[in-house]
N, C-alpha and C. Protein backbone atom coordinates (compact mmCIF):
# COMPACT_ATOMS: atom_id res chain seq x y z
N ILE A 1 90.28 40.32 107.12
CA ILE A 1 91.25 39.44 107.77
C ILE A 1 90.49 38.50 108.70
N ALA A 2 90.82 37.23 108.60
CA ALA A 2 90.18 36.24 109.47
C ALA A 2 90.55 36.51 110.93
N ARG A 3 89.61 36.29 111.80
CA ARG A 3 89.84 36.50 113.22
C ARG A 3 89.93 35.19 113.99
N GLN A 4 89.63 34.11 113.34
CA GLN A 4 89.71 32.82 114.01
C GLN A 4 91.17 32.53 114.35
N PRO A 5 91.40 31.81 115.43
CA PRO A 5 92.78 31.52 115.83
C PRO A 5 93.45 30.56 114.85
N LEU A 6 94.75 30.77 114.68
CA LEU A 6 95.56 29.93 113.82
C LEU A 6 96.76 29.42 114.61
N LEU A 7 97.09 28.17 114.42
CA LEU A 7 98.29 27.60 115.04
C LEU A 7 99.26 27.27 113.92
N LEU A 8 100.45 27.81 114.02
CA LEU A 8 101.53 27.51 113.07
C LEU A 8 102.57 26.70 113.83
N MET A 9 102.75 25.46 113.45
CA MET A 9 103.73 24.61 114.09
C MET A 9 104.92 24.47 113.14
N ILE A 10 106.08 24.87 113.62
CA ILE A 10 107.29 24.85 112.81
C ILE A 10 108.23 23.77 113.34
N SER A 11 108.63 22.90 112.43
CA SER A 11 109.61 21.88 112.78
C SER A 11 111.00 22.41 112.40
N GLY A 12 111.89 22.44 113.37
CA GLY A 12 113.19 23.07 113.19
C GLY A 12 114.12 22.37 112.22
N GLN A 13 113.92 21.09 111.99
CA GLN A 13 114.79 20.32 111.10
C GLN A 13 114.13 20.10 109.74
N ASP A 14 113.37 21.07 109.30
CA ASP A 14 112.57 20.96 108.07
C ASP A 14 112.94 22.11 107.13
N TYR A 15 113.53 21.79 105.99
CA TYR A 15 113.93 22.82 105.05
C TYR A 15 112.74 23.58 104.49
N THR A 16 111.61 22.93 104.31
CA THR A 16 110.42 23.62 103.82
C THR A 16 109.96 24.66 104.83
N ALA A 17 110.00 24.32 106.11
CA ALA A 17 109.63 25.28 107.15
C ALA A 17 110.58 26.47 107.14
N ARG A 18 111.86 26.22 106.97
CA ARG A 18 112.83 27.31 106.91
C ARG A 18 112.57 28.22 105.72
N GLU A 19 112.25 27.62 104.58
CA GLU A 19 111.94 28.42 103.39
C GLU A 19 110.68 29.25 103.61
N PHE A 20 109.68 28.68 104.26
CA PHE A 20 108.46 29.42 104.56
C PHE A 20 108.77 30.62 105.46
N LEU A 21 109.54 30.39 106.53
CA LEU A 21 109.87 31.49 107.43
C LEU A 21 110.68 32.56 106.70
N ASP A 22 111.57 32.14 105.82
CA ASP A 22 112.33 33.10 105.03
C ASP A 22 111.41 33.92 104.13
N ALA A 23 110.46 33.25 103.50
CA ALA A 23 109.51 33.95 102.63
C ALA A 23 108.70 34.97 103.41
N CYS A 24 108.39 34.67 104.65
CA CYS A 24 107.59 35.58 105.48
C CYS A 24 108.33 36.87 105.80
N THR A 25 109.63 36.86 105.63
CA THR A 25 110.40 38.08 105.89
C THR A 25 110.92 38.73 104.62
N THR A 26 110.97 38.00 103.51
CA THR A 26 111.57 38.56 102.30
C THR A 26 110.58 38.79 101.16
N GLN A 27 109.48 38.08 101.15
CA GLN A 27 108.52 38.19 100.05
C GLN A 27 107.41 39.18 100.42
N PRO A 28 107.19 40.20 99.61
CA PRO A 28 106.16 41.20 99.93
C PRO A 28 104.78 40.60 100.23
N ALA A 29 104.39 39.57 99.52
CA ALA A 29 103.06 38.99 99.72
C ALA A 29 102.93 38.32 101.09
N TRP A 30 104.04 37.93 101.68
CA TRP A 30 104.00 37.21 102.96
C TRP A 30 104.41 38.07 104.15
N ARG A 31 104.93 39.28 103.90
CA ARG A 31 105.38 40.13 105.01
C ARG A 31 104.22 40.39 105.97
N GLY A 32 104.50 40.26 107.22
CA GLY A 32 103.50 40.50 108.25
C GLY A 32 102.64 39.29 108.57
N ALA A 33 102.79 38.22 107.81
CA ALA A 33 101.95 37.04 108.05
C ALA A 33 102.16 36.46 109.44
N LEU A 34 103.38 36.55 109.94
CA LEU A 34 103.66 35.99 111.27
C LEU A 34 103.32 36.95 112.39
N ASP A 35 102.90 38.16 112.06
CA ASP A 35 102.58 39.18 113.06
C ASP A 35 101.09 39.29 113.33
N ARG A 36 100.31 38.44 112.72
CA ARG A 36 98.85 38.52 112.90
C ARG A 36 98.49 38.25 114.36
N PRO A 37 97.58 39.02 114.93
CA PRO A 37 97.24 38.85 116.34
C PRO A 37 96.55 37.52 116.65
N ASN A 38 95.98 36.88 115.66
CA ASN A 38 95.29 35.62 115.90
C ASN A 38 96.19 34.41 115.64
N LEU A 39 97.47 34.65 115.40
CA LEU A 39 98.41 33.56 115.10
C LEU A 39 99.21 33.19 116.33
N SER A 40 99.20 31.91 116.63
CA SER A 40 100.08 31.35 117.66
C SER A 40 101.10 30.49 116.94
N ARG A 41 102.35 30.62 117.35
CA ARG A 41 103.42 29.85 116.71
C ARG A 41 104.06 28.93 117.73
N GLN A 42 104.23 27.69 117.34
CA GLN A 42 104.90 26.70 118.19
C GLN A 42 106.09 26.15 117.42
N ASP A 43 107.28 26.36 117.93
CA ASP A 43 108.48 25.83 117.29
C ASP A 43 108.91 24.55 118.00
N LEU A 44 109.10 23.51 117.23
CA LEU A 44 109.64 22.26 117.75
C LEU A 44 111.01 22.10 117.09
N SER A 45 112.03 22.61 117.76
CA SER A 45 113.34 22.79 117.15
C SER A 45 114.01 21.50 116.68
N GLN A 46 113.74 20.38 117.32
CA GLN A 46 114.39 19.13 116.94
C GLN A 46 113.55 18.27 116.00
N ALA A 47 112.35 18.69 115.71
CA ALA A 47 111.44 17.88 114.89
C ALA A 47 111.73 18.03 113.40
N ASP A 48 111.46 16.96 112.66
CA ASP A 48 111.54 17.03 111.21
C ASP A 48 110.13 17.26 110.65
N HIS A 49 110.01 17.24 109.33
CA HIS A 49 108.75 17.56 108.67
C HIS A 49 107.58 16.66 109.10
N THR A 50 107.87 15.41 109.42
CA THR A 50 106.81 14.46 109.79
C THR A 50 106.78 14.15 111.28
N PHE A 51 107.55 14.90 112.06
CA PHE A 51 107.60 14.69 113.51
C PHE A 51 107.92 13.23 113.83
N SER A 52 108.94 12.69 113.16
CA SER A 52 109.23 11.26 113.28
C SER A 52 110.22 10.92 114.39
N GLY A 53 110.81 11.92 115.02
CA GLY A 53 111.78 11.63 116.08
C GLY A 53 111.10 11.22 117.37
N PRO A 54 111.89 10.64 118.29
CA PRO A 54 111.33 10.22 119.58
C PRO A 54 110.66 11.39 120.30
N GLY A 55 109.42 11.24 120.59
CA GLY A 55 108.67 12.25 121.33
C GLY A 55 108.14 13.41 120.50
N ASP A 56 108.50 13.49 119.24
CA ASP A 56 108.05 14.63 118.43
C ASP A 56 106.54 14.65 118.22
N LYS A 57 105.95 13.50 117.94
CA LYS A 57 104.49 13.46 117.75
C LYS A 57 103.77 13.82 119.04
N ASP A 58 104.28 13.31 120.16
CA ASP A 58 103.67 13.66 121.45
C ASP A 58 103.80 15.15 121.73
N ALA A 59 104.97 15.72 121.44
CA ALA A 59 105.17 17.16 121.67
C ALA A 59 104.21 17.97 120.79
N ALA A 60 104.04 17.56 119.54
CA ALA A 60 103.11 18.26 118.65
C ALA A 60 101.68 18.12 119.15
N ALA A 61 101.32 16.94 119.60
CA ALA A 61 99.96 16.71 120.10
C ALA A 61 99.71 17.54 121.37
N GLN A 62 100.68 17.58 122.27
CA GLN A 62 100.53 18.35 123.51
C GLN A 62 100.43 19.85 123.21
N ALA A 63 101.24 20.33 122.28
CA ALA A 63 101.18 21.75 121.91
C ALA A 63 99.83 22.08 121.29
N THR A 64 99.33 21.19 120.45
CA THR A 64 98.02 21.41 119.82
C THR A 64 96.91 21.41 120.85
N LEU A 65 96.94 20.46 121.77
CA LEU A 65 95.92 20.39 122.82
C LEU A 65 95.94 21.65 123.69
N ALA A 66 97.12 22.09 124.09
CA ALA A 66 97.22 23.30 124.91
C ALA A 66 96.68 24.52 124.16
N TRP A 67 96.98 24.61 122.86
CA TRP A 67 96.47 25.72 122.05
C TRP A 67 94.95 25.67 121.95
N LEU A 68 94.40 24.48 121.71
CA LEU A 68 92.94 24.34 121.64
C LEU A 68 92.29 24.74 122.95
N GLN A 69 92.87 24.33 124.05
CA GLN A 69 92.29 24.68 125.35
C GLN A 69 92.34 26.18 125.60
N ARG A 70 93.40 26.85 125.15
CA ARG A 70 93.50 28.31 125.31
C ARG A 70 92.49 29.03 124.42
N CYS A 71 92.35 28.55 123.20
CA CYS A 71 91.57 29.29 122.19
C CYS A 71 90.08 29.02 122.23
N PHE A 72 89.70 27.86 122.70
CA PHE A 72 88.29 27.48 122.59
C PHE A 72 87.66 27.23 123.95
N GLN A 73 88.01 28.06 124.89
CA GLN A 73 87.37 28.00 126.19
C GLN A 73 86.16 28.94 126.19
N PRO A 74 85.21 28.71 127.06
CA PRO A 74 84.03 29.58 127.12
C PRO A 74 84.45 31.04 127.33
N GLY A 75 83.77 31.91 126.64
CA GLY A 75 84.03 33.33 126.75
C GLY A 75 84.95 33.89 125.68
N VAL A 76 85.64 33.02 124.96
CA VAL A 76 86.47 33.46 123.85
C VAL A 76 85.53 33.72 122.68
N PRO A 77 85.67 34.87 122.00
CA PRO A 77 84.69 35.26 120.97
C PRO A 77 84.38 34.22 119.91
N TRP A 78 85.36 33.45 119.46
CA TRP A 78 85.12 32.50 118.38
C TRP A 78 84.69 31.13 118.88
N ALA A 79 84.71 30.90 120.19
CA ALA A 79 84.26 29.61 120.73
C ALA A 79 82.74 29.54 120.63
N ARG A 80 82.25 28.42 120.19
CA ARG A 80 80.80 28.26 120.07
C ARG A 80 80.35 27.05 120.83
């Protein structure tokens, strides 16, 4: 199992995202995928698949930056 950090960003107004989340709970091959200790999940409930709404791209960028700062600071095992 990979130990590197993973960021999963879910857009709430995206049918593909909903299907993925459903598969993670109903499909044997995907069960437990969201429970991995190295997975961080960020839900943007009003965003669509392309983050095209007002402020959605900024919210995605800010969430990504905050995640990078948490995961890749000195002393974290995978930070180089």
